Amino acid sequence: MLDHSPQDRASLVSRLELRGKTSDSINSATSAVLTAAAECDAEDIDCAVAAGRRAFEAGS
């Protein structure tokens, strides 16, 4: 279970990066790729929401 520490935020980012699935963010005016964003699934979202809830309750 993740908490709101920087290490756990980094852990979530690493978890998404390891999957290797990304979506490009495109500038609609130029069609240039701005960045690649990691894709996530329901489990990742649940994990992020739980971490955010714990951080809110802890007053972070």
N, C-alpha and C. Protein backbone atom coordinates (compact mmCIF):
# COMPACT_ATOMS: atom_id res chain seq x y z
N MET A 1 0.84 -1.18 0.00
CA MET A 1 0.00 0.00 0.00
C MET A 1 0.89 1.24 0.00
N LEU A 2 0.59 2.17 -0.89
CA LEU A 2 1.36 3.40 -0.98
C LEU A 2 0.88 4.42 0.04
N ASP A 3 1.79 5.25 0.53
CA ASP A 3 1.37 6.40 1.32
C ASP A 3 1.74 7.65 0.54
N HIS A 4 1.79 8.79 1.19
CA HIS A 4 2.01 10.04 0.47
C HIS A 4 3.47 10.50 0.46
N SER A 5 4.37 9.62 0.76
CA SER A 5 5.78 9.99 0.78
C SER A 5 6.32 10.13 -0.65
N PRO A 6 7.37 10.93 -0.83
CA PRO A 6 7.98 11.05 -2.16
C PRO A 6 8.42 9.70 -2.72
N GLN A 7 8.88 8.80 -1.85
CA GLN A 7 9.32 7.49 -2.32
C GLN A 7 8.15 6.72 -2.92
N ASP A 8 6.97 6.81 -2.30
CA ASP A 8 5.84 6.08 -2.81
C ASP A 8 5.29 6.71 -4.09
N ARG A 9 5.37 8.03 -4.20
CA ARG A 9 4.98 8.65 -5.47
C ARG A 9 5.91 8.18 -6.57
N ALA A 10 7.19 8.13 -6.27
CA ALA A 10 8.17 7.65 -7.24
C ALA A 10 7.90 6.19 -7.59
N SER A 11 7.47 5.40 -6.60
CA SER A 11 7.16 4.00 -6.82
C SER A 11 6.01 3.85 -7.81
N LEU A 12 4.98 4.69 -7.68
CA LEU A 12 3.84 4.63 -8.60
C LEU A 12 4.29 5.02 -10.00
N VAL A 13 5.09 6.06 -10.11
CA VAL A 13 5.58 6.48 -11.43
C VAL A 13 6.41 5.36 -12.05
N SER A 14 7.29 4.75 -11.26
CA SER A 14 8.12 3.65 -11.77
C SER A 14 7.25 2.48 -12.21
N ARG A 15 6.21 2.20 -11.45
CA ARG A 15 5.31 1.10 -11.79
C ARG A 15 4.68 1.34 -13.16
N LEU A 16 4.26 2.56 -13.42
CA LEU A 16 3.66 2.88 -14.71
C LEU A 16 4.70 2.84 -15.82
N GLU A 17 5.89 3.34 -15.54
CA GLU A 17 6.94 3.34 -16.56
C GLU A 17 7.36 1.94 -16.94
N LEU A 18 7.37 1.01 -15.98
CA LEU A 18 7.79 -0.35 -16.26
C LEU A 18 6.86 -1.05 -17.24
N ARG A 19 5.62 -0.67 -17.24
CA ARG A 19 4.66 -1.30 -18.14
C ARG A 19 4.94 -0.92 -19.59
N GLY A 20 5.50 0.26 -19.78
CA GLY A 20 5.90 0.69 -21.11
C GLY A 20 4.77 1.18 -22.00
N LYS A 21 3.54 1.18 -21.52
CA LYS A 21 2.43 1.68 -22.34
C LYS A 21 2.32 3.19 -22.17
N THR A 22 2.34 3.89 -23.28
CA THR A 22 2.23 5.34 -23.23
C THR A 22 1.27 5.84 -24.31
N SER A 23 0.81 7.04 -24.11
CA SER A 23 0.01 7.75 -25.11
C SER A 23 0.69 9.08 -25.36
N ASP A 24 0.79 9.45 -26.63
CA ASP A 24 1.39 10.73 -26.96
C ASP A 24 0.40 11.86 -26.73
N SER A 25 0.91 12.96 -26.21
CA SER A 25 0.14 14.19 -26.09
C SER A 25 0.56 15.07 -27.28
N ILE A 26 -0.41 15.42 -28.10
CA ILE A 26 -0.14 16.10 -29.36
C ILE A 26 -0.59 17.56 -29.29
N ASN A 27 0.24 18.47 -29.79
CA ASN A 27 -0.12 19.87 -29.95
C ASN A 27 -1.06 19.95 -31.14
N SER A 28 -2.31 20.33 -30.90
CA SER A 28 -3.29 20.33 -31.99
C SER A 28 -3.00 21.39 -33.05
N ALA A 29 -2.26 22.43 -32.70
CA ALA A 29 -1.93 23.47 -33.67
C ALA A 29 -0.81 23.06 -34.62
N THR A 30 0.13 22.27 -34.12
CA THR A 30 1.30 21.93 -34.93
C THR A 30 1.43 20.44 -35.22
N SER A 31 0.63 19.62 -34.56
CA SER A 31 0.70 18.16 -34.65
C SER A 31 2.00 17.58 -34.09
N ALA A 32 2.76 18.40 -33.38
CA ALA A 32 4.00 17.94 -32.77
C ALA A 32 3.68 17.17 -31.48
N VAL A 33 4.46 16.12 -31.22
CA VAL A 33 4.33 15.37 -29.98
C VAL A 33 4.93 16.21 -28.86
N LEU A 34 4.11 16.52 -27.84
CA LEU A 34 4.59 17.30 -26.70
C LEU A 34 5.28 16.41 -25.68
N THR A 35 4.67 15.28 -25.39
CA THR A 35 5.23 14.35 -24.40
C THR A 35 4.52 13.01 -24.52
N ALA A 36 5.06 12.01 -23.89
CA ALA A 36 4.42 10.70 -23.80
C ALA A 36 3.98 10.51 -22.34
N ALA A 37 2.72 10.21 -22.16
CA ALA A 37 2.17 10.01 -20.82
C ALA A 37 1.96 8.52 -20.58
N ALA A 38 2.31 8.07 -19.36
CA ALA A 38 2.13 6.67 -19.01
C ALA A 38 0.64 6.34 -18.93
N GLU A 39 0.26 5.20 -19.49
CA GLU A 39 -1.12 4.73 -19.37
C GLU A 39 -1.28 3.95 -18.08
N CYS A 40 -2.49 3.93 -17.55
CA CYS A 40 -2.74 3.20 -16.31
C CYS A 40 -4.03 2.42 -16.43
N ASP A 41 -4.26 1.54 -15.45
CA ASP A 41 -5.49 0.76 -15.42
C ASP A 41 -6.23 1.05 -14.12
N ALA A 42 -7.32 0.36 -13.90
CA ALA A 42 -8.16 0.59 -12.72
C ALA A 42 -7.39 0.38 -11.42
N GLU A 43 -6.51 -0.60 -11.39
CA GLU A 43 -5.72 -0.86 -10.18
C GLU A 43 -4.81 0.32 -9.86
N ASP A 44 -4.20 0.89 -10.88
CA ASP A 44 -3.33 2.05 -10.69
C ASP A 44 -4.13 3.24 -10.17
N ILE A 45 -5.32 3.43 -10.72
CA ILE A 45 -6.16 4.54 -10.29
C ILE A 45 -6.59 4.35 -8.85
N ASP A 46 -7.01 3.14 -8.49
CA ASP A 46 -7.39 2.85 -7.10
C ASP A 46 -6.23 3.14 -6.15
N CYS A 47 -5.03 2.76 -6.54
CA CYS A 47 -3.85 2.97 -5.73
C CYS A 47 -3.58 4.47 -5.56
N ALA A 48 -3.69 5.23 -6.64
CA ALA A 48 -3.45 6.67 -6.58
C ALA A 48 -4.51 7.38 -5.74
N VAL A 49 -5.76 6.98 -5.89
CA VAL A 49 -6.84 7.58 -5.10
C VAL A 49 -6.65 7.29 -3.62
N ALA A 50 -6.29 6.05 -3.28
CA ALA A 50 -6.07 5.69 -1.88
C ALA A 50 -4.90 6.50 -1.30
N ALA A 51 -3.83 6.68 -2.08
CA ALA A 51 -2.69 7.46 -1.60
C ALA A 51 -3.10 8.92 -1.40
N GLY A 52 -3.87 9.45 -2.31
CA GLY A 52 -4.34 10.83 -2.17
C GLY A 52 -5.25 11.00 -0.97
N ARG A 53 -6.12 10.03 -0.73
CA ARG A 53 -7.02 10.10 0.43
C ARG A 53 -6.21 10.08 1.73
N ARG A 54 -5.21 9.20 1.80
CA ARG A 54 -4.38 9.14 3.01
C ARG A 54 -3.60 10.45 3.22
N ALA A 55 -3.12 11.03 2.13
CA ALA A 55 -2.38 12.28 2.24
C ALA A 55 -3.32 13.40 2.71
N PHE A 56 -4.53 13.44 2.19
CA PHE A 56 -5.50 14.45 2.61
C PHE A 56 -5.83 14.29 4.09
N GLU A 57 -6.09 13.05 4.51
CA GLU A 57 -6.45 12.80 5.91
C GLU A 57 -5.29 13.11 6.86
N ALA A 58 -4.05 12.98 6.36
CA ALA A 58 -2.87 13.27 7.19
C ALA A 58 -2.57 14.77 7.21
N GLY A 59 -3.29 15.53 6.39
CA GLY A 59 -3.10 16.98 6.36
C GLY A 59 -1.96 17.43 5.48
N SER A 60 -1.54 16.58 4.55
CA SER A 60 -0.45 16.96 3.64
C SER A 60 -0.95 17.86 2.55
